[in-house]
Amino acid sequence: MKTKHIFWGFIIGLFFVTHAQQKIHDDFEPQLFEINGYNINIETRGSGEPIVFIAGGPGDSHDYLQGNFGAYYKNNQVIFFDGLGRGLSDDAKNLNEYSIATDVEILEGIRKVLDLEQWSIVGHSYGTVVAQAYALKYPKKVSKMVLINGFHSGLMWQANCDSYNRYARTHFPLIWKKIDSLRHKGYISRDSIFAEVYGSLPVKYVYYHDTKLKQPMPKKVKRSWNSDVYYGIVGDDADFHVAGSMGAIDFRKQLVLIQSPTLVIAGRYDGVSTPEFAVQYQQYMPQARFEMFEASGHNPYLEEPEKFFRIFDQFLEIKKQEK
């Protein structure tokens, strides 16, 4: 009976934590700042050591990260933002402006407009690419860095695309037959006809070890995704051939040069940033702390929250306010 009580206590606690996180978006106010000629949405709150969160995609808005990390405003100044072409921010005037370099300069513009000397940067998925590029270009502006389920190179991104397609082909052969037929006719990722069929693959198993989990999102979302940003950065045939600025990136030789204390997080069941390549950070960035989450996919902060936030808080030296 005691085991049952513990189990139900955990479930009830998880419900209230999830419910609280879903409402956290209401605690933030969107603000548009002009950065490099564009209106960029920045949502910041709190005081103390600043932490900026960089969303994935590329093409995602800030919303899901705010849902998971927004409550940290009670202990630190937290900064969430929508990159160019994402969420509430302006679209690029030219699709060629969607690039890793642009995202890095937008991030630096945010630091300047908020008048911050240094900050900790936390990137998830594609956000880790921007974080690493930023830390290499502006090393003195980064106090600490957290890379959650990320990528060290275009080669790694390509390998994970190949892994995903291999899994999709073997597990969903009927859908793959349609995909293969369109490929033979010359259709690529960006073509709407192809995107509709490719998008019918049940992708949640790639991102989550526990597919019942959902990202906490606000009730009203202007746009949580922009495919123009995705194809602009990863290339027109992004699901098969990684190109654009993502295809050209390779941090492997430079990672050893990063002096900011860095925490690298990976998920054992991640089908996006697969462990085969994620563990290579231990070779390329031996000065970093590496943590594998054994019961997680691409979102360990959702799948193993107790372990994740214990390590996260310790690494960033989060000092919880006394109630």
Protein backbone atom coordinates (compact mmCIF):
# COMPACT_ATOMS: atom_id res chain seq x y z
CA MET A 1 0.00 0.00 0.00
CA LYS A 2 2.85 2.36 0.78
CA THR A 3 4.18 1.91 -2.75
CA LYS A 4 0.78 2.85 -4.17
CA HIS A 5 0.64 5.98 -2.02
CA ILE A 6 4.10 7.02 -3.20
CA PHE A 7 3.13 6.38 -6.82
CA TRP A 8 -0.08 8.40 -6.64
CA GLY A 9 1.68 11.14 -4.73
CA PHE A 10 4.19 11.38 -7.57
CA ILE A 11 1.41 11.48 -10.19
CA ILE A 12 -0.50 14.20 -8.33
CA GLY A 13 2.69 16.21 -7.86
CA LEU A 14 3.52 15.84 -11.54
CA PHE A 15 0.03 17.07 -12.44
CA PHE A 16 0.40 20.23 -10.41
CA VAL A 17 3.91 20.90 -11.72
CA THR A 18 2.70 20.47 -15.30
CA HIS A 19 -0.34 22.66 -14.66
CA ALA A 20 1.81 25.40 -13.15
CA GLN A 21 4.21 25.28 -16.07
CA GLN A 22 1.37 25.56 -18.58
CA LYS A 23 0.29 28.84 -16.93
CA ILE A 24 3.81 30.30 -16.70
CA HIS A 25 3.45 32.00 -20.09
CA ASP A 26 0.96 34.44 -18.56
CA ASP A 27 3.70 35.77 -16.28
CA PHE A 28 5.65 37.18 -19.24
CA GLU A 29 4.97 40.21 -21.41
CA PRO A 30 6.00 40.30 -25.09
CA GLN A 31 8.13 43.33 -26.00
CA LEU A 32 9.40 44.24 -29.44
CA PHE A 33 12.92 45.68 -29.70
CA GLU A 34 14.56 46.87 -32.90
CA ILE A 35 17.64 44.76 -33.50
CA ASN A 36 19.62 44.91 -36.73
CA GLY A 37 16.69 46.53 -38.54
CA TYR A 38 14.01 44.09 -37.34
CA ASN A 39 11.46 43.98 -34.54
CA ILE A 40 12.47 41.07 -32.30
CA ASN A 41 10.21 39.76 -29.54
CA ILE A 42 11.96 39.53 -26.18
CA GLU A 43 10.26 38.35 -22.99
CA THR A 44 12.32 38.82 -19.84
CA ARG A 45 11.56 38.83 -16.16
CA GLY A 46 13.32 38.48 -12.81
CA SER A 47 16.59 39.67 -11.35
CA GLY A 48 19.96 38.17 -10.59
CA GLU A 49 22.32 36.31 -12.89
CA PRO A 50 20.86 36.43 -16.43
CA ILE A 51 20.10 33.28 -18.43
CA VAL A 52 19.03 33.34 -22.08
CA PHE A 53 17.24 30.37 -23.66
CA ILE A 54 17.64 29.56 -27.37
CA ALA A 55 14.90 27.49 -29.01
CA GLY A 56 15.29 24.69 -31.52
CA GLY A 57 13.93 24.03 -34.98
CA PRO A 58 15.32 25.99 -36.64
CA GLY A 59 11.95 27.69 -36.86
CA ASP A 60 10.50 27.19 -33.36
CA SER A 61 9.20 30.06 -31.26
CA HIS A 62 10.34 30.55 -27.67
CA ASP A 63 7.07 29.21 -26.22
CA TYR A 64 8.02 25.64 -25.36
CA LEU A 65 11.22 26.68 -23.59
CA GLN A 66 9.34 29.29 -21.60
CA GLY A 67 6.85 26.62 -20.58
CA ASN A 68 9.64 24.46 -19.18
CA PHE A 69 12.05 27.06 -17.80
CA GLY A 70 9.95 30.20 -17.24
CA ALA A 71 9.64 29.68 -13.48
CA TYR A 72 13.35 30.43 -13.09
CA TYR A 73 12.47 34.14 -13.10
CA LYS A 74 11.89 33.69 -9.36
CA ASN A 75 15.63 33.18 -8.93
CA ASN A 76 17.33 34.74 -11.96
CA GLN A 77 16.73 37.14 -14.80
CA VAL A 78 15.52 34.90 -17.61
CA ILE A 79 15.36 35.92 -21.26
CA PHE A 80 13.23 34.22 -23.90
CA PHE A 81 13.06 35.49 -27.47
CA ASP A 82 11.77 34.71 -30.93
CA GLY A 83 14.50 34.65 -33.55
CA LEU A 84 14.07 36.35 -36.90
CA GLY A 85 11.03 34.90 -38.67
CA ARG A 86 9.81 33.11 -35.56
CA GLY A 87 6.95 33.68 -33.14
CA LEU A 88 6.11 37.37 -32.75
CA SER A 89 9.29 38.63 -34.42
CA ASP A 90 9.47 40.10 -37.93
CA ASP A 91 10.02 37.96 -40.99
CA ALA A 92 13.23 38.43 -42.95
CA LYS A 93 12.98 40.65 -46.00
CA ASN A 94 15.10 38.13 -47.88
CA LEU A 95 15.06 34.37 -47.22
CA ASN A 96 18.85 34.36 -47.48
CA GLU A 97 18.95 36.18 -44.16
CA TYR A 98 17.85 33.04 -42.36
CA SER A 99 21.19 31.69 -41.21
CA ILE A 100 23.16 30.68 -38.14
CA ALA A 101 25.23 33.87 -38.46
CA THR A 102 22.08 35.99 -38.41
CA ASP A 103 20.80 34.18 -35.31
CA VAL A 104 24.13 34.77 -33.56
CA GLU A 105 24.01 38.51 -34.27
CA ILE A 106 20.37 38.73 -33.15
CA LEU A 107 21.43 37.09 -29.89
CA GLU A 108 24.28 39.56 -29.43
CA GLY A 109 21.87 42.40 -30.23
CA ILE A 110 19.56 41.18 -27.46
CA ARG A 111 22.43 41.22 -24.96
CA LYS A 112 23.25 44.79 -25.92
CA VAL A 113 19.68 46.08 -25.86
CA LEU A 114 19.20 44.57 -22.40
CA ASP A 115 22.52 46.11 -21.30
CA LEU A 116 23.97 42.86 -19.96
CA GLU A 117 27.72 42.43 -19.53
CA GLN A 118 27.59 38.62 -19.45
CA TRP A 119 24.96 35.90 -19.41
CA SER A 120 24.59 32.16 -19.29
CA ILE A 121 23.26 30.68 -22.52
CA VAL A 122 21.05 27.59 -22.72
CA GLY A 123 20.37 26.06 -26.12
CA HIS A 124 18.11 23.15 -26.99
CA SER A 125 18.46 21.14 -30.23
CA TYR A 126 19.20 23.67 -33.03
CA GLY A 127 19.54 26.27 -30.28
CA THR A 128 22.80 24.58 -29.27
CA VAL A 129 24.24 25.39 -32.70
CA VAL A 130 23.58 29.10 -32.15
CA ALA A 131 24.93 28.83 -28.59
CA GLN A 132 28.22 27.25 -29.70
CA ALA A 133 28.67 29.71 -32.57
CA TYR A 134 27.98 32.60 -30.18
CA ALA A 135 30.40 31.29 -27.53
CA LEU A 136 33.14 31.00 -30.13
CA LYS A 137 32.57 34.50 -31.53
CA TYR A 138 31.80 36.28 -28.23
CA PRO A 139 33.65 34.22 -25.60
CA LYS A 140 33.89 37.02 -23.04
CA LYS A 141 30.11 37.46 -23.01
CA VAL A 142 29.33 33.89 -21.92
CA SER A 143 29.56 33.06 -18.24
CA LYS A 144 28.27 29.48 -18.61
CA MET A 145 26.72 27.38 -21.37
CA VAL A 146 24.25 24.48 -21.38
CA LEU A 147 23.82 22.40 -24.54
CA ILE A 148 20.68 20.24 -24.42
CA ASN A 149 20.51 17.48 -27.04
CA GLY A 150 22.47 19.40 -29.64
CA PHE A 151 24.74 19.17 -32.68
CA HIS A 152 28.43 19.81 -33.14
CA SER A 153 28.39 19.89 -36.96
CA GLY A 154 26.40 19.68 -40.17
CA LEU A 155 27.84 16.18 -40.49
CA MET A 156 26.12 15.23 -37.23
CA TRP A 157 22.84 16.76 -38.41
CA GLN A 158 23.09 14.77 -41.66
CA ALA A 159 23.80 11.54 -39.79
CA ASN A 160 20.73 12.02 -37.68
CA CYS A 161 18.57 12.72 -40.74
CA ASP A 162 19.85 9.46 -42.20
CA SER A 163 19.09 7.63 -38.94
CA TYR A 164 15.56 9.04 -38.83
CA ASN A 165 14.85 8.11 -42.45
CA ARG A 166 16.19 4.59 -41.95
CA TYR A 167 13.90 4.12 -38.95
CA ALA A 168 10.93 5.59 -40.80
CA ARG A 169 11.55 3.33 -43.80
CA THR A 170 11.70 0.14 -41.72
CA HIS A 171 8.85 0.97 -39.31
CA PHE A 172 6.39 2.70 -41.65
CA PRO A 173 6.91 0.97 -45.03
CA LEU A 174 3.53 1.97 -46.52
CA ILE A 175 4.13 5.68 -45.92
CA TRP A 176 7.71 5.28 -47.05
CA LYS A 177 6.53 3.77 -50.34
CA LYS A 178 4.68 7.04 -51.07
CA ILE A 179 7.73 9.05 -50.03
CA ASP A 180 10.00 6.99 -52.25
CA SER A 181 7.63 7.41 -55.19
CA LEU A 182 7.70 11.21 -54.83
CA ARG A 183 11.48 11.20 -54.49
CA HIS A 184 11.77 9.34 -57.77
CA LYS A 185 9.61 12.03 -59.39
CA GLY A 186 12.02 14.73 -58.19
CA TYR A 187 10.10 16.13 -55.24
CA ILE A 188 12.14 17.51 -52.34
CA SER A 189 11.48 18.47 -48.71
CA ARG A 190 10.29 21.99 -49.42
CA ASP A 191 7.66 20.95 -52.02
CA SER A 192 4.24 21.16 -50.38
CA ILE A 193 3.07 17.85 -51.87
CA PHE A 194 6.11 16.06 -50.52
CA ALA A 195 6.00 17.85 -47.16
CA GLU A 196 2.42 16.69 -46.61
CA VAL A 197 3.29 13.02 -47.12
CA TYR A 198 6.58 13.18 -45.22
CA GLY A 199 4.81 15.05 -42.43
CA SER A 200 2.34 12.19 -42.03
CA LEU A 201 5.04 10.05 -40.40
CA PRO A 202 4.28 9.78 -36.65
CA VAL A 203 7.42 11.57 -35.56
CA LYS A 204 6.81 11.73 -31.82
CA TYR A 205 8.66 8.46 -31.21
CA VAL A 206 11.80 10.16 -32.55
CA TYR A 207 11.63 13.00 -30.04
CA TYR A 208 10.23 11.31 -26.94
CA HIS A 209 11.01 8.08 -25.12
CA ASP A 210 7.66 8.58 -23.39
CA THR A 211 5.35 9.58 -26.27
CA LYS A 212 2.53 10.56 -23.90
CA LEU A 213 4.40 13.70 -22.88
CA LYS A 214 3.63 17.10 -24.41
CA GLN A 215 5.47 20.40 -24.42
CA PRO A 216 3.73 23.04 -22.26
CA MET A 217 2.45 25.72 -24.64
CA PRO A 218 0.35 28.87 -24.12
CA LYS A 219 -3.34 28.86 -24.99
CA LYS A 220 -2.85 31.39 -27.77
CA VAL A 221 0.11 31.07 -30.11
CA LYS A 222 0.69 33.36 -33.09
CA ARG A 223 2.96 30.79 -34.70
CA SER A 224 5.10 28.16 -33.07
CA TRP A 225 6.87 27.17 -36.31
CA ASN A 226 8.05 28.72 -39.56
CA SER A 227 9.19 26.32 -42.26
CA ASP A 228 10.82 29.15 -44.24
CA VAL A 229 13.36 29.50 -41.43
CA TYR A 230 13.95 25.75 -41.35
CA TYR A 231 14.55 25.38 -45.07
CA GLY A 232 16.53 28.64 -45.16
CA ILE A 233 19.02 27.34 -42.60
CA VAL A 234 19.08 23.59 -43.33
CA GLY A 235 18.43 23.69 -47.08
CA ASP A 236 15.51 23.09 -49.46
CA ASP A 237 15.87 19.30 -49.19
CA ALA A 238 16.58 19.39 -45.47
CA ASP A 239 15.05 16.00 -44.64
CA PHE A 240 17.58 14.22 -46.85
CA HIS A 241 20.48 16.52 -47.76
CA VAL A 242 21.63 19.02 -45.14
CA ALA A 243 22.79 22.22 -46.81
CA GLY A 244 22.55 25.95 -46.09
CA SER A 245 24.52 27.36 -43.17
CA MET A 246 23.74 24.24 -41.12
CA GLY A 247 25.43 22.02 -43.68
CA ALA A 248 28.55 24.19 -43.61
CA ILE A 249 28.96 24.37 -39.83
CA ASP A 250 31.58 22.31 -38.01
CA PHE A 251 32.62 23.16 -34.46
CA ARG A 252 34.60 19.99 -33.75
CA LYS A 253 38.10 21.48 -33.97
CA GLN A 254 37.09 24.62 -32.06
CA LEU A 255 35.13 23.16 -29.15
CA VAL A 256 38.31 22.59 -27.15
CA LEU A 257 38.90 26.36 -27.26
CA ILE A 258 35.68 27.23 -25.37
CA GLN A 259 36.64 28.26 -21.86
CA SER A 260 33.19 28.98 -20.46
CA PRO A 261 32.08 26.16 -18.14
CA THR A 262 29.80 23.99 -20.28
CA LEU A 263 27.24 21.29 -19.52
CA VAL A 264 26.41 18.91 -22.40
CA ILE A 265 23.20 16.89 -22.06
CA ALA A 266 22.12 13.92 -24.19
CA GLY A 267 19.26 11.41 -24.21
CA ARG A 268 19.82 7.68 -24.60
CA TYR A 269 16.70 7.31 -26.77
CA ASP A 270 17.09 10.52 -28.73
CA GLY A 271 16.21 9.90 -32.37
CA VAL A 272 17.23 13.41 -33.42
CA SER A 273 20.59 13.99 -31.72
CA THR A 274 21.50 10.32 -31.49
CA PRO A 275 23.82 9.01 -28.76
CA GLU A 276 26.26 7.68 -31.37
CA PHE A 277 27.24 11.26 -32.15
CA ALA A 278 26.26 12.98 -28.90
CA VAL A 279 28.94 11.09 -26.94
CA GLN A 280 31.55 12.55 -29.29
CA TYR A 281 31.35 15.76 -27.27
CA GLN A 282 33.46 13.95 -24.67
CA GLN A 283 36.21 13.71 -27.28
CA TYR A 284 35.89 17.14 -28.90
CA MET A 285 35.09 19.06 -25.71
CA PRO A 286 36.82 17.19 -22.87
CA GLN A 287 36.68 20.24 -20.61
CA ALA A 288 32.85 20.13 -20.58
CA ARG A 289 30.67 18.14 -18.21
CA PHE A 290 28.76 15.45 -20.10
CA GLU A 291 25.51 13.90 -18.83
CA MET A 292 23.60 11.09 -20.53
CA PHE A 293 19.94 10.73 -19.53
CA GLU A 294 19.17 7.04 -19.67
CA ALA A 295 15.35 7.30 -19.83
CA SER A 296 15.02 10.27 -22.19
CA GLY A 297 14.66 11.12 -25.83
CA HIS A 298 15.17 14.64 -27.18
CA ASN A 299 13.58 16.38 -24.16
CA PRO A 300 15.15 15.18 -20.87
CA TYR A 301 13.79 18.17 -18.96
CA LEU A 302 10.33 16.65 -19.57
CA GLU A 303 11.20 12.97 -19.31
CA GLU A 304 13.56 12.99 -16.33
CA PRO A 305 12.75 16.34 -14.68
CA GLU A 306 13.97 15.49 -11.18
CA LYS A 307 17.45 14.52 -12.39
CA PHE A 308 17.56 17.21 -15.07
CA PHE A 309 16.72 20.19 -12.88
CA ARG A 310 18.94 18.97 -10.04
CA ILE A 311 21.92 18.94 -12.42
CA PHE A 312 20.81 22.14 -14.18
CA ASP A 313 20.44 24.05 -10.90
CA GLN A 314 23.75 22.79 -9.57
CA PHE A 315 25.66 23.66 -12.73
CA LEU A 316 24.22 27.17 -13.06
CA GLU A 317 24.42 27.67 -9.29
CA ILE A 318 20.76 28.57 -9.08
CA LYS A 319 20.04 29.87 -5.60
CA LYS A 320 16.39 29.17 -4.85
CA GLN A 321 14.59 31.95 -3.03
CA GLU A 322 13.29 31.13 0.42
CA LYS A 323 9.48 31.14 0.62
